[in-house]
C-alpha atoms as a PDB file:
ATOM      1  CA  MET A   1      37.666  -4.839 -50.291  1.00  0.00           C
ATOM      2  CA  LEU A   2      34.501  -3.723 -51.979  1.00  0.00           C
ATOM      3  CA  ASN A   3      33.150  -7.233 -52.071  1.00  0.00           C
ATOM      4  CA  ARG A   4      33.469  -7.658 -48.305  1.00  0.00           C
ATOM      5  CA  LYS A   5      31.562  -4.509 -47.574  1.00  0.00           C
ATOM      6  CA  THR A   6      28.786  -5.598 -50.041  1.00  0.00           C
ATOM      7  CA  LEU A   7      28.546  -9.034 -48.449  1.00  0.00           C
ATOM      8  CA  SER A   8      28.341  -7.442 -44.942  1.00  0.00           C
ATOM      9  CA  VAL A   9      25.502  -5.263 -46.011  1.00  0.00           C
ATOM     10  CA  VAL A  10      23.581  -8.239 -47.557  1.00  0.00           C
ATOM     11  CA  VAL A  11      24.074 -10.252 -44.366  1.00  0.00           C
ATOM     12  CA  LEU A  12      22.924  -7.335 -42.200  1.00  0.00           C
ATOM     13  CA  LEU A  13      19.852  -6.868 -44.373  1.00  0.00           C
ATOM     14  CA  SER A  14      19.060 -10.542 -44.282  1.00  0.00           C
ATOM     15  CA  CYS A  15      19.255 -10.579 -40.501  1.00  0.00           C
ATOM     16  CA  ALA A  16      16.987  -7.537 -40.274  1.00  0.00           C
ATOM     17  CA  PHE A  17      14.482  -9.097 -42.632  1.00  0.00           C
ATOM     18  CA  SER A  18      14.483 -12.425 -40.593  1.00  0.00           C
ATOM     19  CA  ALA A  19      13.832 -10.514 -37.359  1.00  0.00           C
ATOM     20  CA  SER A  20      10.845  -8.711 -38.812  1.00  0.00           C
ATOM     21  CA  ALA A  21       9.338 -11.949 -40.016  1.00  0.00           C
ATOM     22  CA  VAL A  22       8.865 -13.351 -36.530  1.00  0.00           C
ATOM     23  CA  THR A  23       5.831 -15.536 -36.059  1.00  0.00           C
ATOM     24  CA  ASN A  24       3.285 -14.847 -33.310  1.00  0.00           C
ATOM     25  CA  PRO A  25       4.295 -16.484 -29.965  1.00  0.00           C
ATOM     26  CA  GLU A  26       2.034 -19.259 -28.743  1.00  0.00           C
ATOM     27  CA  VAL A  27       1.522 -21.061 -25.533  1.00  0.00           C
ATOM     28  CA  LYS A  28       0.643 -24.691 -25.766  1.00  0.00           C
ATOM     29  CA  PHE A  29       0.025 -27.249 -22.991  1.00  0.00           C
ATOM     30  CA  ARG A  30      -1.973 -30.534 -22.433  1.00  0.00           C
ATOM     31  CA  LEU A  31      -4.843 -30.749 -20.072  1.00  0.00           C
ATOM     32  CA  LYS A  32      -5.803 -33.972 -18.331  1.00  0.00           C
ATOM     33  CA  ALA A  33      -8.783 -34.744 -16.092  1.00  0.00           C
ATOM     34  CA  ASN A  34     -10.078 -37.905 -14.569  1.00  0.00           C
ATOM     35  CA  ILE A  35     -13.562 -38.158 -13.258  1.00  0.00           C
ATOM     36  CA  PRO A  36     -13.868 -41.420 -11.312  1.00  0.00           C
ATOM     37  CA  SER A  37     -16.912 -43.639 -11.169  1.00  0.00           C
ATOM     38  CA  GLN A  38     -18.969 -43.045  -7.981  1.00  0.00           C
ATOM     39  CA  SER A  39     -18.975 -46.763  -7.235  1.00  0.00           C
ATOM     40  CA  PHE A  40     -15.338 -47.956  -7.852  1.00  0.00           C
ATOM     41  CA  TYR A  41     -12.139 -45.939  -8.035  1.00  0.00           C
ATOM     42  CA  VAL A  42      -8.433 -45.881  -6.982  1.00  0.00           C
ATOM     43  CA  GLN A  43      -6.651 -42.618  -7.606  1.00  0.00           C
ATOM     44  CA  PRO A  44      -3.650 -40.697  -6.261  1.00  0.00           C
ATOM     45  CA  VAL A  45      -4.298 -37.972  -3.676  1.00  0.00           C
ATOM     46  CA  GLY A  46      -2.605 -34.776  -5.113  1.00  0.00           C
ATOM     47  CA  ASN A  47      -0.342 -34.665  -7.995  1.00  0.00           C
ATOM     48  CA  TRP A  48       2.520 -36.950  -6.899  1.00  0.00           C
ATOM     49  CA  ASN A  49       2.131 -39.249  -9.851  1.00  0.00           C
ATOM     50  CA  ASP A  50       2.559 -36.503 -12.562  1.00  0.00           C
ATOM     51  CA  GLY A  51       6.127 -37.029 -13.856  1.00  0.00           C
ATOM     52  CA  ASP A  52       9.073 -38.761 -12.137  1.00  0.00           C
ATOM     53  CA  VAL A  53       8.689 -39.598  -8.415  1.00  0.00           C
ATOM     54  CA  LYS A  54      12.266 -39.412  -6.948  1.00  0.00           C
ATOM     55  CA  MET A  55      13.803 -41.856  -4.476  1.00  0.00           C
ATOM     56  CA  LEU A  56      16.758 -40.062  -2.922  1.00  0.00           C
ATOM     57  CA  TRP A  57      19.943 -41.821  -2.046  1.00  0.00           C
ATOM     58  CA  ASN A  58      20.928 -41.840   1.634  1.00  0.00           C
ATOM     59  CA  GLU A  59      24.747 -42.194   1.725  1.00  0.00           C
ATOM     60  CA  ALA A  60      24.916 -42.857   5.438  1.00  0.00           C
ATOM     61  CA  ALA A  61      22.437 -45.750   5.178  1.00  0.00           C
ATOM     62  CA  LEU A  62      23.712 -46.872   1.725  1.00  0.00           C
ATOM     63  CA  SER A  63      20.046 -47.058   0.634  1.00  0.00           C
ATOM     64  CA  LEU A  64      17.274 -45.248  -1.159  1.00  0.00           C
ATOM     65  CA  ASN A  65      14.912 -43.335   1.068  1.00  0.00           C
ATOM     66  CA  ALA A  66      11.408 -44.888   1.008  1.00  0.00           C
ATOM     67  CA  ILE A  67       8.616 -42.930  -0.670  1.00  0.00           C
ATOM     68  CA  SER A  68       5.076 -42.796   0.678  1.00  0.00           C
ATOM     69  CA  HIS A  69       2.059 -41.337  -1.091  1.00  0.00           C
ATOM     70  CA  PRO A  70      -1.767 -41.439  -0.421  1.00  0.00           C
ATOM     71  CA  LEU A  71      -4.290 -43.216  -2.621  1.00  0.00           C
ATOM     72  CA  ALA A  72      -8.081 -42.658  -2.348  1.00  0.00           C
ATOM     73  CA  MET A  73     -10.193 -45.694  -3.112  1.00  0.00           C
ATOM     74  CA  LYS A  74     -13.751 -46.907  -2.909  1.00  0.00           C
ATOM     75  CA  ASN A  75     -15.780 -49.860  -4.108  1.00  0.00           C
ATOM     76  CA  SER A  76     -19.417 -49.756  -3.151  1.00  0.00           C
ATOM     77  CA  ALA A  77     -20.043 -53.275  -4.713  1.00  0.00           C
ATOM     78  CA  GLY A  78     -17.321 -55.198  -2.761  1.00  0.00           C
ATOM     79  CA  GLY A  79     -13.700 -55.100  -1.718  1.00  0.00           C
ATOM     80  CA  ILE A  80     -10.562 -53.975  -3.593  1.00  0.00           C
ATOM     81  CA  SER A  81      -7.554 -56.135  -4.482  1.00  0.00           C
ATOM     82  CA  ALA A  82      -4.322 -55.270  -6.208  1.00  0.00           C
ATOM     83  CA  TYR A  83      -1.117 -56.639  -7.717  1.00  0.00           C
ATOM     84  CA  LEU A  84       1.866 -55.348  -9.693  1.00  0.00           C
ATOM     85  CA  LEU A  85       2.020 -55.768 -13.441  1.00  0.00           C
ATOM     86  CA  GLU A  86       5.658 -56.791 -13.103  1.00  0.00           C
ATOM     87  CA  ASP A  87       8.255 -56.811 -10.376  1.00  0.00           C
ATOM     88  CA  ALA A  88       9.174 -53.330  -9.184  1.00  0.00           C
ATOM     89  CA  GLN A  89      12.762 -52.380  -9.587  1.00  0.00           C
ATOM     90  CA  LEU A  90      15.066 -49.490 -10.599  1.00  0.00           C
ATOM     91  CA  SER A  91      17.855 -50.068 -13.058  1.00  0.00           C
ATOM     92  CA  ASN A  92      20.637 -48.056 -14.674  1.00  0.00           C
ATOM     93  CA  VAL A  93      21.752 -47.863 -18.332  1.00  0.00           C
ATOM     94  CA  ASP A  94      23.856 -50.976 -17.717  1.00  0.00           C
ATOM     95  CA  GLY A  95      20.920 -52.912 -16.389  1.00  0.00           C
ATOM     96  CA  THR A  96      22.122 -52.976 -12.769  1.00  0.00           C
ATOM     97  CA  PRO A  97      18.923 -53.664 -10.777  1.00  0.00           C
ATOM     98  CA  ILE A  98      17.746 -52.330  -7.428  1.00  0.00           C
ATOM     99  CA  PRO A  99      14.721 -54.463  -6.334  1.00  0.00           C
ATOM    100  CA  LEU A 100      11.870 -52.585  -4.752  1.00  0.00           C
ATOM    101  CA  SER A 101       8.857 -53.559  -2.663  1.00  0.00           C
ATOM    102  CA  VAL A 102       5.503 -51.896  -2.966  1.00  0.00           C
ATOM    103  CA  THR A 103       2.887 -51.910  -0.259  1.00  0.00           C
ATOM    104  CA  VAL A 104      -0.627 -50.486  -0.326  1.00  0.00           C
ATOM    105  CA  ASN A 105      -2.482 -50.208   2.970  1.00  0.00           C
ATOM    106  CA  ASN A 106       0.285 -52.166   4.577  1.00  0.00           C
ATOM    107  CA  VAL A 107      -0.189 -55.123   2.111  1.00  0.00           C
ATOM    108  CA  LEU A 108       2.782 -56.297   0.095  1.00  0.00           C
ATOM    109  CA  LEU A 109       2.028 -56.424  -3.650  1.00  0.00           C
ATOM    110  CA  THR A 110       3.648 -58.945  -5.913  1.00  0.00           C
ATOM    111  CA  ALA A 111       3.656 -59.383  -9.724  1.00  0.00           C
ATOM    112  CA  GLY A 112       0.913 -61.122 -11.536  1.00  0.00           C
ATOM    113  CA  SER A 113      -2.833 -61.277 -11.388  1.00  0.00           C
ATOM    114  CA  SER A 114      -2.676 -64.694  -9.686  1.00  0.00           C
ATOM    115  CA  ALA A 115      -0.879 -62.955  -6.849  1.00  0.00           C
ATOM    116  CA  SER A 116      -3.593 -60.307  -6.282  1.00  0.00           C
ATOM    117  CA  GLU A 117      -4.039 -59.378  -2.648  1.00  0.00           C
ATOM    118  CA  THR A 118      -7.034 -57.826  -0.875  1.00  0.00           C
ATOM    119  CA  ILE A 119      -6.201 -54.217  -0.034  1.00  0.00           C
ATOM    120  CA  LEU A 120      -9.562 -53.257   1.395  1.00  0.00           C
ATOM    121  CA  PRO A 121     -12.275 -55.742   2.426  1.00  0.00           C
ATOM    122  CA  GLU A 122     -15.888 -55.033   1.420  1.00  0.00           C
ATOM    123  CA  ALA A 123     -16.928 -53.364   4.648  1.00  0.00           C
ATOM    124  CA  GLU A 124     -13.969 -50.914   4.515  1.00  0.00           C
ATOM    125  CA  ALA A 125     -14.223 -50.217   0.748  1.00  0.00           C
ATOM    126  CA  ALA A 126     -17.857 -49.222   0.838  1.00  0.00           C
ATOM    127  CA  THR A 127     -16.956 -45.627   1.636  1.00  0.00           C
ATOM    128  CA  THR A 128     -13.919 -43.595   0.383  1.00  0.00           C
ATOM    129  CA  ARG A 129     -10.736 -44.577   2.209  1.00  0.00           C
ATOM    130  CA  GLN A 130      -7.386 -42.940   2.059  1.00  0.00           C
ATOM    131  CA  VAL A 131      -4.518 -45.415   2.318  1.00  0.00           C
ATOM    132  CA  ASN A 132      -0.766 -45.213   1.975  1.00  0.00           C
ATOM    133  CA  MET A 133       1.264 -46.623  -0.936  1.00  0.00           C
ATOM    134  CA  VAL A 134       4.913 -47.128   0.129  1.00  0.00           C
ATOM    135  CA  VAL A 135       7.890 -48.064  -2.070  1.00  0.00           C
ATOM    136  CA  THR A 136      11.134 -49.209  -0.446  1.00  0.00           C
ATOM    137  CA  GLN A 137      14.441 -50.741  -1.479  1.00  0.00           C
ATOM    138  CA  THR A 138      14.547 -54.439  -0.621  1.00  0.00           C
ATOM    139  CA  THR A 139      18.341 -55.122  -0.990  1.00  0.00           C
ATOM    140  CA  LYS A 140      20.682 -54.074   1.796  1.00  0.00           C
ATOM    141  CA  PHE A 141      23.989 -52.640   0.445  1.00  0.00           C
ATOM    142  CA  SER A 142      27.465 -52.412   2.012  1.00  0.00           C
ATOM    143  CA  ASP A 143      30.436 -50.281   0.818  1.00  0.00           C
ATOM    144  CA  ALA A 144      31.664 -53.350  -1.109  1.00  0.00           C
ATOM    145  CA  ASP A 145      28.471 -54.023  -3.083  1.00  0.00           C
ATOM    146  CA  ARG A 146      26.765 -50.679  -3.411  1.00  0.00           C
ATOM    147  CA  PRO A 147      25.286 -49.945  -6.836  1.00  0.00           C
ATOM    148  CA  PRO A 148      27.350 -48.014  -9.350  1.00  0.00           C
ATOM    149  CA  ALA A 149      26.893 -44.258  -9.462  1.00  0.00           C
ATOM    150  CA  GLY A 150      24.477 -42.971 -11.964  1.00  0.00           C
ATOM    151  CA  ASP A 151      20.749 -42.484 -12.791  1.00  0.00           C
ATOM    152  CA  TYR A 152      18.353 -45.295 -12.164  1.00  0.00           C
ATOM    153  CA  TYR A 153      14.811 -45.533 -13.591  1.00  0.00           C
ATOM    154  CA  GLY A 154      11.848 -47.824 -13.292  1.00  0.00           C
ATOM    155  CA  ASP A 155       8.102 -48.014 -13.706  1.00  0.00           C
ATOM    156  CA  VAL A 156       5.656 -49.325 -11.163  1.00  0.00           C
ATOM    157  CA  THR A 157       2.230 -50.403 -12.457  1.00  0.00           C
ATOM    158  CA  MET A 158      -0.373 -51.439  -9.898  1.00  0.00           C
ATOM    159  CA  ILE A 159      -3.561 -53.026 -11.069  1.00  0.00           C
ATOM    160  CA  PHE A 160      -6.582 -52.672  -8.779  1.00  0.00           C
ATOM    161  CA  ASP A 161      -9.624 -55.011  -9.142  1.00  0.00           C
ATOM    162  CA  SER A 162     -13.086 -54.891  -7.739  1.00  0.00           C
ATOM    163  CA  LEU A 163     -13.777 -57.835  -5.530  1.00  0.00           C
ATOM    164  CA  LEU A 164     -17.413 -59.097  -5.649  1.00  0.00           C
ATOM    165  CA  PRO A 165     -18.973 -59.957  -2.346  1.00  0.00           C
ATOM    166  CA  PRO A 166     -18.996 -63.637  -1.585  1.00  0.00           C
ATOM    167  CA  ASP A 167     -21.984 -65.518  -2.729  1.00  0.00           C
ATOM    168  CA  THR A 168     -23.982 -66.486   0.361  1.00  0.00           C
ATOM    169  CA  GLY A 169     -26.136 -68.881  -1.551  1.00  0.00           C
ATOM    170  CA  GLU A 170     -29.316 -66.941  -0.666  1.00  0.00           C
ATOM    171  CA  GLY A 171     -31.891 -66.512  -3.473  1.00  0.00           C
ATOM    172  CA  SER A 172     -30.688 -69.482  -5.548  1.00  0.00           C
END
């Protein structure tokens, strides 16, 4: 019986000592800033691209609700074109895909630099423009072929290029 009391006192003293040796609390976070070029930029308006952008499931329509977010863009030296780095899709842990379409300024983007599409012609890109980026599900589902329940993830990478004005042949 004496041994148990001694052990209890040692444990209590140990806990009291640990509590008094608490380190100073700290607050840590990362800062991020992007200062665009004055002549060519494409950037999200607001903070919608920080973290996961959620597409919500609409049970009545058996589809994901589209998402739409603004982009600000300018190119004082020409137009702006864009393409997707790879096909846009969501997939679950089993690899079940849900294909998506991505449009910017009502222009459908496809994968690969050879598929680059003009988003803003030179005349429109000369001053800052705000355009919409929209992501929608491309497959129509029925009760029989709806995707399995679970979490789906995917990355969308859009590449924007500066389009040089056409060579008019003057000055050659």
